[in-house]
Amino acid sequence: MKYFTTTLKRTAKKIPDSFYTFFTLAAAAQINYAIIHSSFVYVALLVMLIHELGHYYTSKKYTNKSKLPLFIPFPFFVIGITRVPKLSSPATKHIAISGPLFGATAAGLIFVLNLIFNFTSSIPILFLMLGELIFNYIGADGAKYRKAKKDYLLCTS
């Protein structure tokens, strides 16, 4: 048994983080497409991937040792997680707000492309874009942003 766990740990270290990101995103797409049967699933997951990569790349800008995003698939929704160690308040503020901004920008571009090529209904994409801004400001990203902004203002005054 000890040999098996040691071999498994060694093998897990050799698998790149990008594989886990791709595998969990593919699992989320498969589960939700099997239930919903709409191409909108792929559009929503693309926006979610860009949202999480926004957090990842902004944290890399601050030379942080963050991990690539992972996705936890559930029927009808997906949770995206990008692990970022604690930073200073300005960095946390920028990292927290970058995800919704990247996601809303991606949804806006997809909306414009959908108006041109008409590959799915436009109304859900519009709601996805507005949801990226509104619900993420109310949700966890917004809470981190507001807390970091408040901490930063307290430190500078």
C-alpha atoms as a PDB file:
ATOM      1  CA  MET A   1       0.000   0.000   0.000  1.00  0.00           C
ATOM      2  CA  LYS A   2       2.835   2.381   0.827  1.00  0.00           C
ATOM      3  CA  TYR A   3       4.366   1.827  -2.632  1.00  0.00           C
ATOM      4  CA  PHE A   4       1.031   2.654  -4.270  1.00  0.00           C
ATOM      5  CA  THR A   5       0.561   5.947  -2.387  1.00  0.00           C
ATOM      6  CA  THR A   6       4.180   6.992  -3.014  1.00  0.00           C
ATOM      7  CA  THR A   7       3.839   6.228  -6.733  1.00  0.00           C
ATOM      8  CA  LEU A   8       0.525   8.070  -6.880  1.00  0.00           C
ATOM      9  CA  LYS A   9       2.023  11.162  -5.231  1.00  0.00           C
ATOM     10  CA  ARG A  10       5.000  11.120  -7.599  1.00  0.00           C
ATOM     11  CA  THR A  11       2.703  10.762 -10.619  1.00  0.00           C
ATOM     12  CA  ALA A  12       0.410  13.578  -9.426  1.00  0.00           C
ATOM     13  CA  LYS A  13       3.400  15.937  -9.178  1.00  0.00           C
ATOM     14  CA  LYS A  14       4.260  15.291 -12.832  1.00  0.00           C
ATOM     15  CA  ILE A  15       0.805  16.257 -14.130  1.00  0.00           C
ATOM     16  CA  PRO A  16       0.756  19.960 -15.072  1.00  0.00           C
ATOM     17  CA  ASP A  17      -1.800  22.302 -13.509  1.00  0.00           C
ATOM     18  CA  SER A  18      -3.180  23.126 -16.949  1.00  0.00           C
ATOM     19  CA  PHE A  19      -4.424  19.531 -17.236  1.00  0.00           C
ATOM     20  CA  TYR A  20      -6.516  19.941 -14.091  1.00  0.00           C
ATOM     21  CA  THR A  21      -7.963  23.196 -15.402  1.00  0.00           C
ATOM     22  CA  PHE A  22      -8.860  21.651 -18.755  1.00  0.00           C
ATOM     23  CA  PHE A  23     -10.202  18.432 -17.226  1.00  0.00           C
ATOM     24  CA  THR A  24     -12.439  20.150 -14.680  1.00  0.00           C
ATOM     25  CA  LEU A  25     -13.733  22.599 -17.317  1.00  0.00           C
ATOM     26  CA  ALA A  26     -14.487  19.718 -19.701  1.00  0.00           C
ATOM     27  CA  ALA A  27     -16.307  17.845 -16.929  1.00  0.00           C
ATOM     28  CA  ALA A  28     -18.400  20.925 -16.177  1.00  0.00           C
ATOM     29  CA  ALA A  29     -19.240  21.320 -19.867  1.00  0.00           C
ATOM     30  CA  GLN A  30     -20.207  17.665 -20.236  1.00  0.00           C
ATOM     31  CA  ILE A  31     -22.410  17.569 -17.139  1.00  0.00           C
ATOM     32  CA  ASN A  32     -24.274  20.773 -17.957  1.00  0.00           C
ATOM     33  CA  TYR A  33     -24.621  20.131 -21.695  1.00  0.00           C
ATOM     34  CA  ALA A  34     -26.077  16.693 -20.948  1.00  0.00           C
ATOM     35  CA  ILE A  35     -28.792  18.372 -18.888  1.00  0.00           C
ATOM     36  CA  ILE A  36     -29.438  21.627 -20.767  1.00  0.00           C
ATOM     37  CA  HIS A  37     -28.653  20.675 -24.431  1.00  0.00           C
ATOM     38  CA  SER A  38     -27.801  24.229 -25.460  1.00  0.00           C
ATOM     39  CA  SER A  39     -24.676  25.813 -26.899  1.00  0.00           C
ATOM     40  CA  PHE A  40     -25.077  28.543 -24.292  1.00  0.00           C
ATOM     41  CA  VAL A  41     -23.375  26.170 -21.822  1.00  0.00           C
ATOM     42  CA  TYR A  42     -20.125  26.563 -23.743  1.00  0.00           C
ATOM     43  CA  VAL A  43     -20.497  30.341 -23.956  1.00  0.00           C
ATOM     44  CA  ALA A  44     -21.084  30.600 -20.201  1.00  0.00           C
ATOM     45  CA  LEU A  45     -18.108  28.334 -19.444  1.00  0.00           C
ATOM     46  CA  LEU A  46     -15.871  30.344 -21.776  1.00  0.00           C
ATOM     47  CA  VAL A  47     -16.820  33.538 -19.944  1.00  0.00           C
ATOM     48  CA  MET A  48     -16.220  31.811 -16.612  1.00  0.00           C
ATOM     49  CA  LEU A  49     -12.800  30.573 -17.777  1.00  0.00           C
ATOM     50  CA  ILE A  50     -11.819  34.090 -18.873  1.00  0.00           C
ATOM     51  CA  HIS A  51     -13.116  35.462 -15.557  1.00  0.00           C
ATOM     52  CA  GLU A  52     -10.896  33.062 -13.582  1.00  0.00           C
ATOM     53  CA  LEU A  53      -7.913  33.646 -15.880  1.00  0.00           C
ATOM     54  CA  GLY A  54      -8.371  37.374 -15.220  1.00  0.00           C
ATOM     55  CA  HIS A  55      -7.727  36.706 -11.533  1.00  0.00           C
ATOM     56  CA  TYR A  56      -4.790  34.429 -12.400  1.00  0.00           C
ATOM     57  CA  TYR A  57      -3.001  36.797 -14.792  1.00  0.00           C
ATOM     58  CA  THR A  58      -3.508  39.839 -12.573  1.00  0.00           C
ATOM     59  CA  SER A  59      -2.036  37.937  -9.624  1.00  0.00           C
ATOM     60  CA  LYS A  60       0.923  36.955 -11.820  1.00  0.00           C
ATOM     61  CA  LYS A  61       1.351  40.663 -12.627  1.00  0.00           C
ATOM     62  CA  TYR A  62       1.952  41.180  -8.912  1.00  0.00           C
ATOM     63  CA  THR A  63       4.525  38.303  -9.024  1.00  0.00           C
ATOM     64  CA  ASN A  64       2.338  36.064  -6.939  1.00  0.00           C
ATOM     65  CA  LYS A  65       2.524  32.270  -6.823  1.00  0.00           C
ATOM     66  CA  SER A  66      -1.093  31.664  -7.762  1.00  0.00           C
ATOM     67  CA  LYS A  67      -2.454  28.427  -9.215  1.00  0.00           C
ATOM     68  CA  LEU A  68      -4.403  27.971 -12.430  1.00  0.00           C
ATOM     69  CA  PRO A  69      -8.170  27.902 -11.915  1.00  0.00           C
ATOM     70  CA  LEU A  70     -10.137  24.768 -11.093  1.00  0.00           C
ATOM     71  CA  PHE A  71     -13.834  24.253 -11.760  1.00  0.00           C
ATOM     72  CA  ILE A  72     -16.231  22.292  -9.578  1.00  0.00           C
ATOM     73  CA  PRO A  73     -19.074  21.032 -11.791  1.00  0.00           C
ATOM     74  CA  PHE A  74     -22.642  20.762 -10.533  1.00  0.00           C
ATOM     75  CA  PRO A  75     -25.853  20.342 -12.504  1.00  0.00           C
ATOM     76  CA  PHE A  76     -26.993  23.783 -13.744  1.00  0.00           C
ATOM     77  CA  PHE A  77     -24.010  25.701 -12.327  1.00  0.00           C
ATOM     78  CA  VAL A  78     -20.239  25.609 -11.902  1.00  0.00           C
ATOM     79  CA  ILE A  79     -17.955  27.009  -9.216  1.00  0.00           C
ATOM     80  CA  GLY A  80     -14.622  28.420 -10.389  1.00  0.00           C
ATOM     81  CA  ILE A  81     -11.721  28.710  -7.969  1.00  0.00           C
ATOM     82  CA  THR A  82      -8.384  30.456  -8.483  1.00  0.00           C
ATOM     83  CA  ARG A  83      -6.129  30.039  -5.469  1.00  0.00           C
ATOM     84  CA  VAL A  84      -4.239  33.238  -4.717  1.00  0.00           C
ATOM     85  CA  PRO A  85      -2.194  33.640  -1.515  1.00  0.00           C
ATOM     86  CA  LYS A  86      -2.757  36.760   0.568  1.00  0.00           C
ATOM     87  CA  LEU A  87      -1.365  40.007  -0.759  1.00  0.00           C
ATOM     88  CA  SER A  88      -1.391  43.667   0.140  1.00  0.00           C
ATOM     89  CA  SER A  89      -4.663  45.596  -0.087  1.00  0.00           C
ATOM     90  CA  PRO A  90      -4.010  47.299  -3.463  1.00  0.00           C
ATOM     91  CA  ALA A  91      -3.022  43.986  -5.050  1.00  0.00           C
ATOM     92  CA  THR A  92      -6.037  42.189  -3.571  1.00  0.00           C
ATOM     93  CA  LYS A  93      -8.301  44.975  -4.826  1.00  0.00           C
ATOM     94  CA  HIS A  94      -6.951  44.697  -8.373  1.00  0.00           C
ATOM     95  CA  ILE A  95      -7.038  40.901  -8.400  1.00  0.00           C
ATOM     96  CA  ALA A  96     -10.621  40.797  -7.079  1.00  0.00           C
ATOM     97  CA  ILE A  97     -11.976  43.283  -9.628  1.00  0.00           C
ATOM     98  CA  SER A  98     -10.034  41.908 -12.609  1.00  0.00           C
ATOM     99  CA  GLY A  99     -12.100  38.702 -12.862  1.00  0.00           C
ATOM    100  CA  PRO A 100     -15.478  40.404 -13.366  1.00  0.00           C
ATOM    101  CA  LEU A 101     -13.943  42.972 -15.728  1.00  0.00           C
ATOM    102  CA  PHE A 102     -12.302  40.288 -17.874  1.00  0.00           C
ATOM    103  CA  GLY A 103     -15.508  38.206 -17.817  1.00  0.00           C
ATOM    104  CA  ALA A 104     -17.786  41.132 -18.707  1.00  0.00           C
ATOM    105  CA  THR A 105     -15.448  42.181 -21.528  1.00  0.00           C
ATOM    106  CA  ALA A 106     -15.427  38.633 -22.891  1.00  0.00           C
ATOM    107  CA  ALA A 107     -19.223  38.422 -22.658  1.00  0.00           C
ATOM    108  CA  GLY A 108     -19.495  41.772 -24.472  1.00  0.00           C
ATOM    109  CA  LEU A 109     -17.258  40.551 -27.291  1.00  0.00           C
ATOM    110  CA  ILE A 110     -19.219  37.304 -27.545  1.00  0.00           C
ATOM    111  CA  PHE A 111     -22.447  39.334 -27.622  1.00  0.00           C
ATOM    112  CA  VAL A 112     -21.158  41.398 -30.561  1.00  0.00           C
ATOM    113  CA  LEU A 113     -19.943  38.258 -32.353  1.00  0.00           C
ATOM    114  CA  ASN A 114     -23.322  36.656 -31.754  1.00  0.00           C
ATOM    115  CA  LEU A 115     -25.061  39.648 -33.329  1.00  0.00           C
ATOM    116  CA  ILE A 116     -22.901  39.115 -36.424  1.00  0.00           C
ATOM    117  CA  PHE A 117     -22.886  35.291 -36.660  1.00  0.00           C
ATOM    118  CA  ASN A 118     -26.053  34.398 -34.674  1.00  0.00           C
ATOM    119  CA  PHE A 119     -24.820  31.146 -33.093  1.00  0.00           C
ATOM    120  CA  THR A 120     -27.134  31.281 -30.062  1.00  0.00           C
ATOM    121  CA  SER A 121     -29.750  33.525 -28.491  1.00  0.00           C
ATOM    122  CA  SER A 122     -28.505  37.024 -27.642  1.00  0.00           C
ATOM    123  CA  ILE A 123     -30.613  37.666 -24.537  1.00  0.00           C
ATOM    124  CA  PRO A 124     -28.843  35.104 -22.285  1.00  0.00           C
ATOM    125  CA  ILE A 125     -25.448  36.473 -23.330  1.00  0.00           C
ATOM    126  CA  LEU A 126     -26.597  39.980 -22.407  1.00  0.00           C
ATOM    127  CA  PHE A 127     -27.761  38.708 -19.008  1.00  0.00           C
ATOM    128  CA  LEU A 128     -24.443  36.887 -18.597  1.00  0.00           C
ATOM    129  CA  MET A 129     -22.551  40.122 -19.242  1.00  0.00           C
ATOM    130  CA  LEU A 130     -24.681  42.104 -16.806  1.00  0.00           C
ATOM    131  CA  GLY A 131     -24.485  39.270 -14.274  1.00  0.00           C
ATOM    132  CA  GLU A 132     -20.692  39.334 -14.433  1.00  0.00           C
ATOM    133  CA  LEU A 133     -20.774  42.938 -13.296  1.00  0.00           C
ATOM    134  CA  ILE A 134     -23.730  42.978 -10.913  1.00  0.00           C
ATOM    135  CA  PHE A 135     -23.619  39.571  -9.200  1.00  0.00           C
ATOM    136  CA  ASN A 136     -19.857  39.530  -8.869  1.00  0.00           C
ATOM    137  CA  TYR A 137     -19.960  42.934  -7.221  1.00  0.00           C
ATOM    138  CA  ILE A 138     -22.514  41.617  -4.738  1.00  0.00           C
ATOM    139  CA  GLY A 139     -20.814  38.214  -4.381  1.00  0.00           C
ATOM    140  CA  ALA A 140     -17.427  36.986  -3.172  1.00  0.00           C
ATOM    141  CA  ASP A 141     -15.290  38.969  -5.634  1.00  0.00           C
ATOM    142  CA  GLY A 142     -17.089  42.182  -4.730  1.00  0.00           C
ATOM    143  CA  ALA A 143     -16.756  41.504  -1.016  1.00  0.00           C
ATOM    144  CA  LYS A 144     -12.996  41.012  -1.391  1.00  0.00           C
ATOM    145  CA  TYR A 145     -12.771  44.152  -3.512  1.00  0.00           C
ATOM    146  CA  ARG A 146     -14.729  46.307  -1.037  1.00  0.00           C
ATOM    147  CA  LYS A 147     -12.763  44.960   1.949  1.00  0.00           C
ATOM    148  CA  ALA A 148      -9.413  45.572   0.221  1.00  0.00           C
ATOM    149  CA  LYS A 149     -10.508  49.044  -0.853  1.00  0.00           C
ATOM    150  CA  LYS A 150     -11.603  49.887   2.713  1.00  0.00           C
ATOM    151  CA  ASP A 151      -8.328  48.510   4.171  1.00  0.00           C
ATOM    152  CA  TYR A 152      -6.323  50.478   1.620  1.00  0.00           C
ATOM    153  CA  LEU A 153      -8.156  53.702   2.414  1.00  0.00           C
ATOM    154  CA  LEU A 154      -7.627  53.140   6.152  1.00  0.00           C
ATOM    155  CA  CYS A 155      -3.888  52.545   5.628  1.00  0.00           C
ATOM    156  CA  THR A 156      -3.382  55.636   3.480  1.00  0.00           C
ATOM    157  CA  SER A 157      -5.251  58.074   5.686  1.00  0.00           C
END
